[in-house]
Amino acid sequence: MSHPISTAGLKGGTVDTDHEHGESTGDWEARHTLEVTRSLPSGSMLTTSWTGANGPEEIETTRITGESDLSFRARHILDYTEAMASAPPIP
């Protein structure tokens, strides 16, 4: 069973991206990010979770007062991308 990369806190609901057979980790992460960019934040917290080699991983980003949806979402993407560099997702 695959462990998806999941981002919660979006207007369209939680985005879950399953790993596809033969797909590189980088391509999987990029596909997830593309899906996240198709929705805007629904509130003041975005949370991305995945399974790494050491178990569950999670990154939460809190909106800064006055921060736009686009800036908030971009900052969250940067947060989870940096975290995945040291704790890559595994299917």
N, C-alpha and C. Protein backbone atom coordinates (compact mmCIF):
# COMPACT_ATOMS: atom_id res chain seq x y z
N MET A 1 0.84 -1.19 0.00
CA MET A 1 0.00 0.00 0.00
C MET A 1 0.88 1.24 0.00
N SER A 2 0.53 2.18 -0.83
CA SER A 2 1.28 3.43 -0.94
C SER A 2 0.87 4.40 0.17
N HIS A 3 1.83 5.17 0.65
CA HIS A 3 1.58 6.24 1.61
C HIS A 3 1.59 7.54 0.83
N PRO A 4 0.45 8.24 0.74
CA PRO A 4 0.41 9.47 -0.06
C PRO A 4 1.12 10.63 0.63
N ILE A 5 1.46 11.62 -0.16
CA ILE A 5 1.81 12.94 0.36
C ILE A 5 0.48 13.68 0.44
N SER A 6 0.19 14.28 1.59
CA SER A 6 -1.12 14.91 1.81
C SER A 6 -0.95 16.34 2.30
N THR A 7 -1.74 17.24 1.73
CA THR A 7 -1.77 18.62 2.22
C THR A 7 -3.20 18.98 2.58
N ALA A 8 -3.38 19.41 3.84
CA ALA A 8 -4.69 19.82 4.35
C ALA A 8 -4.71 21.32 4.57
N GLY A 9 -5.93 21.87 4.57
CA GLY A 9 -6.10 23.30 4.80
C GLY A 9 -6.36 24.08 3.53
N LEU A 10 -6.76 23.38 2.47
CA LEU A 10 -7.03 24.00 1.17
C LEU A 10 -8.53 24.09 0.91
N LYS A 11 -8.94 25.11 0.17
CA LYS A 11 -10.37 25.31 -0.13
C LYS A 11 -10.97 24.12 -0.86
N GLY A 12 -10.22 23.45 -1.69
CA GLY A 12 -10.73 22.30 -2.42
C GLY A 12 -10.71 21.01 -1.62
N GLY A 13 -10.30 21.08 -0.36
CA GLY A 13 -10.17 19.88 0.47
C GLY A 13 -8.73 19.39 0.47
N THR A 14 -8.51 18.32 1.19
CA THR A 14 -7.17 17.75 1.31
C THR A 14 -6.70 17.20 -0.03
N VAL A 15 -5.45 17.50 -0.38
CA VAL A 15 -4.84 16.96 -1.60
C VAL A 15 -3.99 15.77 -1.19
N ASP A 16 -4.34 14.59 -1.70
CA ASP A 16 -3.58 13.36 -1.47
C ASP A 16 -2.98 12.92 -2.79
N THR A 17 -1.66 12.73 -2.81
CA THR A 17 -0.98 12.32 -4.03
C THR A 17 -0.27 11.01 -3.78
N ASP A 18 -0.75 9.95 -4.44
CA ASP A 18 -0.13 8.64 -4.33
C ASP A 18 1.06 8.53 -5.26
N HIS A 19 2.03 7.75 -4.86
CA HIS A 19 3.20 7.47 -5.69
C HIS A 19 2.79 6.55 -6.82
N GLU A 20 3.25 6.84 -8.02
CA GLU A 20 2.97 6.00 -9.17
C GLU A 20 4.15 5.07 -9.43
N HIS A 21 3.86 3.86 -9.84
CA HIS A 21 4.90 2.86 -10.09
C HIS A 21 5.97 3.41 -11.04
N GLY A 22 7.23 3.30 -10.64
CA GLY A 22 8.34 3.73 -11.46
C GLY A 22 8.65 5.22 -11.37
N GLU A 23 7.87 5.96 -10.64
CA GLU A 23 8.05 7.41 -10.52
C GLU A 23 9.17 7.73 -9.53
N SER A 24 10.00 8.70 -9.86
CA SER A 24 11.05 9.13 -8.92
C SER A 24 10.41 9.91 -7.78
N THR A 25 11.11 10.00 -6.66
CA THR A 25 10.61 10.77 -5.53
C THR A 25 10.44 12.23 -5.92
N GLY A 26 11.40 12.78 -6.66
CA GLY A 26 11.30 14.18 -7.08
C GLY A 26 10.09 14.44 -7.95
N ASP A 27 9.79 13.51 -8.86
CA ASP A 27 8.62 13.67 -9.72
C ASP A 27 7.33 13.57 -8.90
N TRP A 28 7.31 12.68 -7.93
CA TRP A 28 6.16 12.52 -7.05
C TRP A 28 5.91 13.82 -6.27
N GLU A 29 6.97 14.37 -5.69
CA GLU A 29 6.86 15.63 -4.95
C GLU A 29 6.38 16.76 -5.86
N ALA A 30 6.93 16.83 -7.07
CA ALA A 30 6.55 17.89 -8.01
C ALA A 30 5.08 17.76 -8.42
N ARG A 31 4.62 16.54 -8.62
CA ARG A 31 3.22 16.31 -8.98
C ARG A 31 2.30 16.74 -7.83
N HIS A 32 2.73 16.45 -6.60
CA HIS A 32 1.94 16.89 -5.44
C HIS A 32 1.88 18.42 -5.39
N THR A 33 3.00 19.06 -5.56
CA THR A 33 3.05 20.52 -5.52
C THR A 33 2.16 21.13 -6.60
N LEU A 34 2.16 20.56 -7.78
CA LEU A 34 1.29 21.04 -8.85
C LEU A 34 -0.17 20.98 -8.41
N GLU A 35 -0.56 19.89 -7.77
CA GLU A 35 -1.94 19.76 -7.30
C GLU A 35 -2.25 20.79 -6.20
N VAL A 36 -1.29 21.04 -5.30
CA VAL A 36 -1.48 22.02 -4.24
C VAL A 36 -1.68 23.42 -4.83
N THR A 37 -0.96 23.74 -5.89
CA THR A 37 -1.06 25.08 -6.48
C THR A 37 -2.39 25.30 -7.21
N ARG A 38 -3.18 24.26 -7.35
CA ARG A 38 -4.49 24.40 -8.00
C ARG A 38 -5.59 24.80 -7.02
N SER A 39 -5.22 24.99 -5.75
CA SER A 39 -6.20 25.39 -4.74
C SER A 39 -5.58 26.47 -3.86
N LEU A 40 -6.43 27.22 -3.18
CA LEU A 40 -5.97 28.26 -2.28
C LEU A 40 -6.20 27.82 -0.84
N PRO A 41 -5.47 28.41 0.10
CA PRO A 41 -5.69 28.07 1.51
C PRO A 41 -7.11 28.42 1.95
N SER A 42 -7.65 27.61 2.86
CA SER A 42 -9.00 27.86 3.37
C SER A 42 -8.99 28.61 4.69
N GLY A 43 -7.83 28.75 5.29
CA GLY A 43 -7.75 29.41 6.59
C GLY A 43 -6.34 29.86 6.89
N SER A 44 -5.93 29.69 8.14
CA SER A 44 -4.63 30.21 8.57
C SER A 44 -3.58 29.12 8.82
N MET A 45 -3.90 27.86 8.46
CA MET A 45 -2.95 26.76 8.69
C MET A 45 -2.94 25.83 7.48
N LEU A 46 -1.74 25.50 7.01
CA LEU A 46 -1.56 24.47 5.99
C LEU A 46 -0.68 23.39 6.60
N THR A 47 -1.05 22.13 6.36
CA THR A 47 -0.31 21.01 6.92
C THR A 47 -0.05 19.99 5.83
N THR A 48 1.22 19.62 5.66
CA THR A 48 1.58 18.56 4.71
C THR A 48 2.20 17.42 5.50
N SER A 49 1.76 16.21 5.19
CA SER A 49 2.27 15.02 5.87
C SER A 49 2.65 13.97 4.84
N TRP A 50 3.60 13.12 5.22
CA TRP A 50 4.09 12.04 4.39
C TRP A 50 4.78 11.03 5.28
N THR A 51 5.12 9.90 4.71
CA THR A 51 5.88 8.89 5.43
C THR A 51 7.31 8.91 4.93
N GLY A 52 8.24 9.08 5.85
CA GLY A 52 9.66 9.03 5.54
C GLY A 52 10.26 7.73 6.06
N ALA A 53 11.55 7.57 5.90
CA ALA A 53 12.23 6.35 6.33
C ALA A 53 12.10 6.13 7.84
N ASN A 54 11.97 7.22 8.61
CA ASN A 54 11.85 7.10 10.07
C ASN A 54 10.41 7.19 10.56
N GLY A 55 9.44 7.10 9.65
CA GLY A 55 8.04 7.15 10.05
C GLY A 55 7.34 8.41 9.58
N PRO A 56 6.21 8.73 10.22
CA PRO A 56 5.41 9.88 9.80
C PRO A 56 6.16 11.20 9.95
N GLU A 57 5.98 12.07 8.95
CA GLU A 57 6.56 13.42 8.95
C GLU A 57 5.41 14.40 8.72
N GLU A 58 5.54 15.60 9.28
CA GLU A 58 4.50 16.61 9.11
C GLU A 58 5.10 18.00 9.22
N ILE A 59 4.65 18.88 8.35
CA ILE A 59 5.06 20.28 8.37
C ILE A 59 3.80 21.14 8.43
N GLU A 60 3.75 22.03 9.40
CA GLU A 60 2.65 22.98 9.52
C GLU A 60 3.19 24.39 9.27
N THR A 61 2.42 25.14 8.52
CA THR A 61 2.77 26.54 8.26
C THR A 61 1.57 27.39 8.66
N THR A 62 1.82 28.42 9.45
CA THR A 62 0.77 29.32 9.91
C THR A 62 0.86 30.64 9.14
N ARG A 63 -0.30 31.10 8.70
CA ARG A 63 -0.38 32.36 7.95
C ARG A 63 0.07 33.53 8.83
N ILE A 64 0.87 34.40 8.27
CA ILE A 64 1.27 35.64 8.93
C ILE A 64 0.14 36.65 8.72
N THR A 65 -0.15 37.44 9.73
CA THR A 65 -1.22 38.45 9.64
C THR A 65 -1.03 39.30 8.38
N GLY A 66 -2.09 39.36 7.58
CA GLY A 66 -2.07 40.15 6.35
C GLY A 66 -1.47 39.46 5.15
N GLU A 67 -0.98 38.23 5.31
CA GLU A 67 -0.34 37.50 4.21
C GLU A 67 -1.38 37.06 3.18
N SER A 68 -1.09 37.25 1.92
CA SER A 68 -2.00 36.84 0.85
C SER A 68 -2.05 35.32 0.74
N ASP A 69 -3.12 34.82 0.11
CA ASP A 69 -3.24 33.38 -0.12
C ASP A 69 -2.05 32.84 -0.90
N LEU A 70 -1.67 33.56 -1.96
CA LEU A 70 -0.58 33.08 -2.82
C LEU A 70 0.75 33.05 -2.09
N SER A 71 1.04 34.07 -1.31
CA SER A 71 2.29 34.11 -0.56
C SER A 71 2.32 33.02 0.52
N PHE A 72 1.20 32.85 1.21
CA PHE A 72 1.09 31.83 2.25
C PHE A 72 1.29 30.44 1.66
N ARG A 73 0.61 30.16 0.56
CA ARG A 73 0.75 28.85 -0.08
C ARG A 73 2.18 28.63 -0.54
N ALA A 74 2.80 29.63 -1.15
CA ALA A 74 4.18 29.50 -1.63
C ALA A 74 5.15 29.25 -0.47
N ARG A 75 4.92 29.91 0.64
CA ARG A 75 5.79 29.73 1.81
C ARG A 75 5.64 28.32 2.37
N HIS A 76 4.41 27.81 2.37
CA HIS A 76 4.19 26.43 2.83
C HIS A 76 4.88 25.42 1.90
N ILE A 77 4.76 25.63 0.61
CA ILE A 77 5.41 24.73 -0.35
C ILE A 77 6.92 24.72 -0.11
N LEU A 78 7.50 25.89 0.12
CA LEU A 78 8.93 25.97 0.42
C LEU A 78 9.25 25.22 1.72
N ASP A 79 8.40 25.38 2.73
CA ASP A 79 8.62 24.69 4.01
C ASP A 79 8.64 23.18 3.84
N TYR A 80 7.64 22.62 3.14
CA TYR A 80 7.62 21.16 3.03
C TYR A 80 8.66 20.65 2.05
N THR A 81 8.99 21.42 1.03
CA THR A 81 10.04 21.01 0.09
C THR A 81 11.38 20.91 0.81
N GLU A 82 11.69 21.89 1.65
CA GLU A 82 12.93 21.85 2.42
C GLU A 82 12.94 20.67 3.39
N ALA A 83 11.82 20.40 4.03
CA ALA A 83 11.74 19.27 4.96
C ALA A 83 11.91 17.94 4.24
N MET A 84 11.35 17.84 3.05
CA MET A 84 11.45 16.58 2.28
C MET A 84 12.87 16.35 1.76
N ALA A 85 13.67 17.40 1.67
CA ALA A 85 15.06 17.23 1.25
C ALA A 85 15.84 16.41 2.28
N SER A 86 15.50 16.58 3.56
CA SER A 86 16.20 15.83 4.60
C SER A 86 15.44 14.59 5.06
N ALA A 87 14.15 14.52 4.78
CA ALA A 87 13.33 13.35 5.13
C ALA A 87 12.42 13.04 3.96
N PRO A 88 12.99 12.48 2.87
CA PRO A 88 12.20 12.24 1.66
C PRO A 88 11.03 11.27 1.88
N PRO A 89 9.94 11.51 1.17
CA PRO A 89 8.83 10.60 1.27
C PRO A 89 9.17 9.24 0.66
N ILE A 90 8.59 8.21 1.24
CA ILE A 90 8.72 6.87 0.67
C ILE A 90 7.31 6.35 0.41
N PRO A 91 7.13 5.60 -0.67
CA PRO A 91 5.78 5.10 -1.00
C PRO A 91 5.24 4.11 0.02
